[in-house]
Each structure stands twice: as structure tokens, then as C-alpha cells.
Amino acid sequence: MASPEKQAFLDLTAVIWHEGPDFVSLCPELGVSSRGSTLEEATAMLEEAVDLCLENARELDMFDAAIGGLTVDEFLSHLG
């Protein structure tokens, strides 16, 4: 009998701020960002971007590198 597929859970951060007419969303652990015209849209767009990033990392066998994260300086540079 085949063993069940392992599931891993990641605790990721979503940082969202208002910039001009839009909301910008960032996952600092992955260096992935998105934006939306509402808070809900920015959150949904970030979730989609994170999913795509992790899916591509798995396909390219680069998952460990993808979740390596940003340094504090890199994170702060995203904030302007």
C-alpha cells in the first residue's frame, strides 16, 4: 500500500500597505508581491502569486531555495 502524500505547512507573512489608489501586498519570506484596488483583492492576488511561486519552485526542484527568504535589508527595500 502506498504511503499517503506528506503535506507541509509554511507560516508565511503578508504585509499589505496603501500606496496611491492601490494596496500593495508582499510576502517577505518569498520576495513575492502583488497589488489590488481593495485590501481583499490585494490579499487574493498575493495568495495566487505565492501559490504560483511555490508550484514553480517544486517543479524546478528549487523549493528549499525559494523558501530561503529575504534578509531584513531586502525586505525594507521593498517598502521604499
N, C-alpha and C. Protein backbone atom coordinates (compact mmCIF):
# COMPACT_ATOMS: atom_id res chain seq x y z
N MET A 1 0.84 -1.18 0.00
CA MET A 1 0.00 0.00 0.00
C MET A 1 0.89 1.25 0.00
N ALA A 2 0.55 2.18 -0.87
CA ALA A 2 1.34 3.42 -0.98
C ALA A 2 1.11 4.29 0.25
N SER A 3 2.17 4.97 0.68
CA SER A 3 2.03 5.85 1.82
C SER A 3 1.35 7.14 1.39
N PRO A 4 0.56 7.74 2.29
CA PRO A 4 -0.11 9.00 1.93
C PRO A 4 0.91 10.10 1.67
N GLU A 5 0.56 10.99 0.77
CA GLU A 5 1.45 12.10 0.44
C GLU A 5 1.62 13.00 1.66
N LYS A 6 2.86 13.37 1.93
CA LYS A 6 3.13 14.27 3.04
C LYS A 6 2.66 15.68 2.69
N GLN A 7 2.13 16.35 3.67
CA GLN A 7 1.75 17.74 3.49
C GLN A 7 2.59 18.58 4.42
N ALA A 8 3.13 19.64 3.88
CA ALA A 8 3.93 20.57 4.68
C ALA A 8 3.18 21.88 4.80
N PHE A 9 3.35 22.53 5.91
CA PHE A 9 2.72 23.82 6.14
C PHE A 9 3.81 24.85 6.37
N LEU A 10 3.64 25.99 5.74
CA LEU A 10 4.57 27.10 5.91
C LEU A 10 3.84 28.25 6.58
N ASP A 11 4.48 28.86 7.53
CA ASP A 11 3.97 30.10 8.10
C ASP A 11 4.59 31.24 7.30
N LEU A 12 3.77 31.90 6.51
CA LEU A 12 4.25 33.00 5.68
C LEU A 12 3.57 34.28 6.12
N THR A 13 4.25 35.37 5.91
CA THR A 13 3.77 36.69 6.31
C THR A 13 3.20 37.43 5.11
N ALA A 14 2.12 38.13 5.32
CA ALA A 14 1.58 39.04 4.31
C ALA A 14 1.65 40.44 4.88
N VAL A 15 2.40 41.30 4.21
CA VAL A 15 2.48 42.71 4.59
C VAL A 15 1.73 43.49 3.52
N ILE A 16 0.76 44.27 3.95
CA ILE A 16 -0.08 45.00 2.98
C ILE A 16 -0.14 46.46 3.39
N TRP A 17 0.08 47.33 2.43
CA TRP A 17 0.02 48.76 2.71
C TRP A 17 -0.66 49.49 1.55
N HIS A 18 -1.14 50.66 1.85
CA HIS A 18 -1.83 51.50 0.88
C HIS A 18 -0.79 52.34 0.15
N GLU A 19 -0.83 52.31 -1.16
CA GLU A 19 0.11 53.08 -1.98
C GLU A 19 -0.65 53.69 -3.14
N GLY A 20 -0.81 55.00 -3.10
CA GLY A 20 -1.63 55.66 -4.13
C GLY A 20 -3.05 55.13 -4.05
N PRO A 21 -3.65 54.82 -5.19
CA PRO A 21 -5.02 54.33 -5.16
C PRO A 21 -5.13 52.83 -4.85
N ASP A 22 -4.01 52.14 -4.80
CA ASP A 22 -4.00 50.69 -4.65
C ASP A 22 -3.45 50.23 -3.30
N PHE A 23 -3.60 48.94 -3.05
CA PHE A 23 -2.98 48.27 -1.92
C PHE A 23 -1.89 47.37 -2.48
N VAL A 24 -0.72 47.42 -1.88
CA VAL A 24 0.41 46.58 -2.28
C VAL A 24 0.54 45.48 -1.23
N SER A 25 0.76 44.26 -1.69
CA SER A 25 0.91 43.13 -0.77
C SER A 25 2.24 42.44 -1.04
N LEU A 26 2.86 42.01 0.04
CA LEU A 26 4.20 41.42 -0.05
C LEU A 26 4.30 40.22 0.88
N CYS A 27 4.89 39.15 0.39
CA CYS A 27 5.28 38.01 1.23
C CYS A 27 6.80 38.09 1.34
N PRO A 28 7.32 38.63 2.45
CA PRO A 28 8.77 38.85 2.55
C PRO A 28 9.59 37.57 2.56
N GLU A 29 9.03 36.47 3.03
CA GLU A 29 9.78 35.21 3.06
C GLU A 29 10.12 34.72 1.66
N LEU A 30 9.26 35.02 0.69
CA LEU A 30 9.48 34.56 -0.68
C LEU A 30 9.90 35.68 -1.62
N GLY A 31 9.77 36.92 -1.18
CA GLY A 31 10.08 38.04 -2.05
C GLY A 31 9.05 38.19 -3.16
N VAL A 32 7.81 37.78 -2.88
CA VAL A 32 6.72 37.83 -3.86
C VAL A 32 5.79 38.97 -3.47
N SER A 33 5.37 39.74 -4.47
CA SER A 33 4.46 40.84 -4.18
C SER A 33 3.38 40.91 -5.24
N SER A 34 2.34 41.65 -4.91
CA SER A 34 1.24 41.87 -5.83
C SER A 34 0.54 43.16 -5.41
N ARG A 35 -0.58 43.44 -6.05
CA ARG A 35 -1.34 44.63 -5.68
C ARG A 35 -2.79 44.43 -6.08
N GLY A 36 -3.64 45.27 -5.54
CA GLY A 36 -5.06 45.24 -5.87
C GLY A 36 -5.70 46.56 -5.52
N SER A 37 -6.89 46.77 -6.04
CA SER A 37 -7.57 48.04 -5.78
C SER A 37 -8.28 48.04 -4.42
N THR A 38 -8.44 46.85 -3.82
CA THR A 38 -9.00 46.74 -2.48
C THR A 38 -8.08 45.85 -1.64
N LEU A 39 -8.26 45.91 -0.34
CA LEU A 39 -7.48 45.06 0.55
C LEU A 39 -7.72 43.59 0.24
N GLU A 40 -8.96 43.23 0.01
CA GLU A 40 -9.31 41.84 -0.31
C GLU A 40 -8.68 41.39 -1.62
N GLU A 41 -8.70 42.26 -2.63
CA GLU A 41 -8.11 41.91 -3.92
C GLU A 41 -6.59 41.77 -3.79
N ALA A 42 -5.95 42.66 -3.06
CA ALA A 42 -4.50 42.57 -2.87
C ALA A 42 -4.13 41.28 -2.14
N THR A 43 -4.94 40.88 -1.17
CA THR A 43 -4.70 39.64 -0.44
C THR A 43 -4.87 38.44 -1.35
N ALA A 44 -5.94 38.41 -2.13
CA ALA A 44 -6.18 37.30 -3.05
C ALA A 44 -5.10 37.20 -4.12
N MET A 45 -4.67 38.34 -4.62
CA MET A 45 -3.63 38.34 -5.65
C MET A 45 -2.30 37.85 -5.08
N LEU A 46 -2.01 38.21 -3.83
CA LEU A 46 -0.79 37.73 -3.19
C LEU A 46 -0.86 36.22 -2.97
N GLU A 47 -2.01 35.72 -2.53
CA GLU A 47 -2.15 34.27 -2.35
C GLU A 47 -1.89 33.53 -3.65
N GLU A 48 -2.43 34.05 -4.75
CA GLU A 48 -2.21 33.42 -6.06
C GLU A 48 -0.73 33.48 -6.45
N ALA A 49 -0.09 34.62 -6.22
CA ALA A 49 1.33 34.76 -6.56
C ALA A 49 2.19 33.81 -5.74
N VAL A 50 1.88 33.67 -4.45
CA VAL A 50 2.63 32.74 -3.59
C VAL A 50 2.43 31.31 -4.06
N ASP A 51 1.19 30.94 -4.37
CA ASP A 51 0.92 29.59 -4.87
C ASP A 51 1.72 29.29 -6.13
N LEU A 52 1.73 30.23 -7.06
CA LEU A 52 2.48 30.04 -8.31
C LEU A 52 3.98 29.94 -8.06
N CYS A 53 4.48 30.78 -7.17
CA CYS A 53 5.91 30.76 -6.84
C CYS A 53 6.30 29.39 -6.27
N LEU A 54 5.52 28.89 -5.32
CA LEU A 54 5.85 27.60 -4.70
C LEU A 54 5.67 26.44 -5.67
N GLU A 55 4.65 26.51 -6.51
CA GLU A 55 4.44 25.47 -7.52
C GLU A 55 5.62 25.42 -8.49
N ASN A 56 6.07 26.58 -8.96
CA ASN A 56 7.22 26.62 -9.87
C ASN A 56 8.49 26.14 -9.18
N ALA A 57 8.67 26.51 -7.92
CA ALA A 57 9.85 26.07 -7.17
C ALA A 57 9.87 24.56 -7.04
N ARG A 58 8.71 23.96 -6.77
CA ARG A 58 8.64 22.49 -6.67
C ARG A 58 8.98 21.85 -8.02
N GLU A 59 8.40 22.38 -9.10
CA GLU A 59 8.63 21.82 -10.44
C GLU A 59 10.10 21.90 -10.84
N LEU A 60 10.78 22.96 -10.41
CA LEU A 60 12.19 23.16 -10.76
C LEU A 60 13.14 22.58 -9.71
N ASP A 61 12.58 21.89 -8.72
CA ASP A 61 13.35 21.31 -7.62
C ASP A 61 14.18 22.38 -6.92
N MET A 62 13.55 23.54 -6.69
CA MET A 62 14.22 24.66 -6.03
C MET A 62 13.42 25.12 -4.82
N PHE A 63 12.62 24.22 -4.24
CA PHE A 63 11.75 24.61 -3.15
C PHE A 63 12.53 25.17 -1.97
N ASP A 64 13.62 24.49 -1.56
CA ASP A 64 14.40 24.97 -0.42
C ASP A 64 14.97 26.36 -0.67
N ALA A 65 15.42 26.61 -1.89
CA ALA A 65 15.95 27.93 -2.22
C ALA A 65 14.84 28.98 -2.20
N ALA A 66 13.64 28.60 -2.64
CA ALA A 66 12.54 29.56 -2.71
C ALA A 66 12.09 30.00 -1.32
N ILE A 67 12.13 29.10 -0.36
CA ILE A 67 11.67 29.47 0.98
C ILE A 67 12.80 29.99 1.85
N GLY A 68 13.96 30.25 1.23
CA GLY A 68 15.11 30.80 1.95
C GLY A 68 14.85 32.18 2.49
N GLY A 69 13.96 32.94 1.83
CA GLY A 69 13.54 34.23 2.35
C GLY A 69 14.44 35.39 2.01
N LEU A 70 14.02 36.53 2.48
CA LEU A 70 14.75 37.78 2.28
C LEU A 70 15.46 38.16 3.56
N THR A 71 16.53 38.88 3.40
CA THR A 71 17.17 39.48 4.57
C THR A 71 16.33 40.68 5.01
N VAL A 72 16.59 41.19 6.18
CA VAL A 72 15.86 42.37 6.67
C VAL A 72 16.07 43.54 5.73
N ASP A 73 17.29 43.74 5.25
CA ASP A 73 17.57 44.85 4.34
C ASP A 73 16.80 44.70 3.03
N GLU A 74 16.74 43.48 2.50
CA GLU A 74 15.97 43.26 1.27
C GLU A 74 14.49 43.54 1.49
N PHE A 75 13.97 43.11 2.63
CA PHE A 75 12.58 43.35 2.95
C PHE A 75 12.32 44.85 3.03
N LEU A 76 13.15 45.57 3.74
CA LEU A 76 12.95 47.01 3.90
C LEU A 76 13.06 47.74 2.56
N SER A 77 13.87 47.24 1.65
CA SER A 77 13.99 47.89 0.34
C SER A 77 12.69 47.78 -0.44
N HIS A 78 11.89 46.75 -0.18
CA HIS A 78 10.57 46.62 -0.84
C HIS A 78 9.60 47.67 -0.34
N LEU A 79 9.82 48.15 0.87
CA LEU A 79 8.90 49.12 1.44
C LEU A 79 9.20 50.54 0.98
N GLY A 80 10.33 50.72 0.31
CA GLY A 80 10.67 52.03 -0.20
C GLY A 80 11.49 52.76 0.75
